[in-house]
């Protein structure tokens, strides 16, 4: 025997499906986030950046330390 669902049951099922999709999406995004950090652990992927202080009012001076 096939019973019709009440509006409340339909609403509840829709809410559960939305919650499940949101949880799946969150898990996927978290996995991508974690993977992005694991991919950057390789020595060749670490960029080398030299920092310094630049004053717009003064001419650019060469760093004598390095």
Protein backbone atom coordinates (compact mmCIF):
# COMPACT_ATOMS: atom_id res chain seq x y z
CA UNK A 1 0.00 0.00 0.00
CA UNK A 2 1.43 3.37 -1.04
CA UNK A 3 0.57 6.24 1.26
CA UNK A 4 0.83 9.88 0.33
CA UNK A 5 3.30 11.92 2.27
CA UNK A 6 2.07 14.80 4.35
CA UNK A 7 3.44 18.28 3.67
CA UNK A 8 5.33 18.01 6.97
CA UNK A 9 7.02 14.76 5.87
CA UNK A 10 7.94 16.27 2.50
CA UNK A 11 9.36 19.35 4.19
CA UNK A 12 11.35 17.26 6.66
CA UNK A 13 12.80 15.10 3.86
CA UNK A 14 13.76 18.21 1.88
CA UNK A 15 15.49 19.69 4.92
CA UNK A 16 17.36 16.43 5.56
CA UNK A 17 18.46 16.30 1.92
CA UNK A 18 19.67 19.92 2.10
CA UNK A 19 21.58 19.17 5.28
CA UNK A 20 23.18 16.09 3.68
CA UNK A 21 24.24 18.08 0.60
CA UNK A 22 25.70 20.82 2.80
CA UNK A 23 27.65 18.29 4.87
CA UNK A 24 28.98 16.61 1.72
CA UNK A 25 30.04 19.96 0.26
CA UNK A 26 31.70 20.96 3.53
CA UNK A 27 33.60 17.67 3.67
CA UNK A 28 34.75 18.09 0.06
CA UNK A 29 35.94 21.66 0.66
CA UNK A 30 37.75 20.67 3.85
CA UNK A 31 39.51 17.83 2.01
CA UNK A 32 40.64 20.29 -0.69
CA UNK A 33 41.83 22.69 2.03
CA UNK A 34 43.90 19.99 3.75
CA UNK A 35 45.25 18.79 0.41
CA UNK A 36 46.40 22.29 -0.49
CA UNK A 37 48.65 22.33 2.56
CA UNK A 38 50.00 18.84 1.92
CA UNK A 39 50.88 19.78 -1.64
CA UNK A 40 52.90 22.77 -0.40
CA UNK A 41 55.12 20.61 1.83
CA UNK A 42 57.34 19.71 -1.12
CA UNK A 43 60.70 21.54 -0.94
CA UNK A 44 60.56 22.65 -4.57
CA UNK A 45 57.19 24.35 -4.12
CA UNK A 46 58.32 26.77 -1.40
CA UNK A 47 58.92 30.20 -2.90
CA UNK A 48 61.86 32.30 -1.88
CA UNK A 49 60.91 35.90 -1.23
CA UNK A 50 63.29 38.60 -0.11
CA UNK A 51 61.70 41.29 1.97
CA UNK A 52 62.72 44.82 2.60
CA UNK A 53 61.44 48.22 3.58
CA UNK A 54 60.64 50.68 0.84
CA UNK A 55 60.10 54.31 1.64
CA UNK A 56 58.32 56.12 -1.16
CA UNK A 57 59.93 59.41 -0.16
CA UNK A 58 63.50 58.14 -0.52
CA UNK A 59 65.35 56.73 -3.47
CA UNK A 60 65.68 52.96 -3.60
CA UNK A 61 68.87 51.91 -1.82
CA UNK A 62 70.68 48.65 -2.46
CA UNK A 63 70.81 46.29 0.52
CA UNK A 64 74.47 45.83 1.47
CA UNK A 65 73.79 42.83 3.70
CA UNK A 66 72.85 40.34 1.01
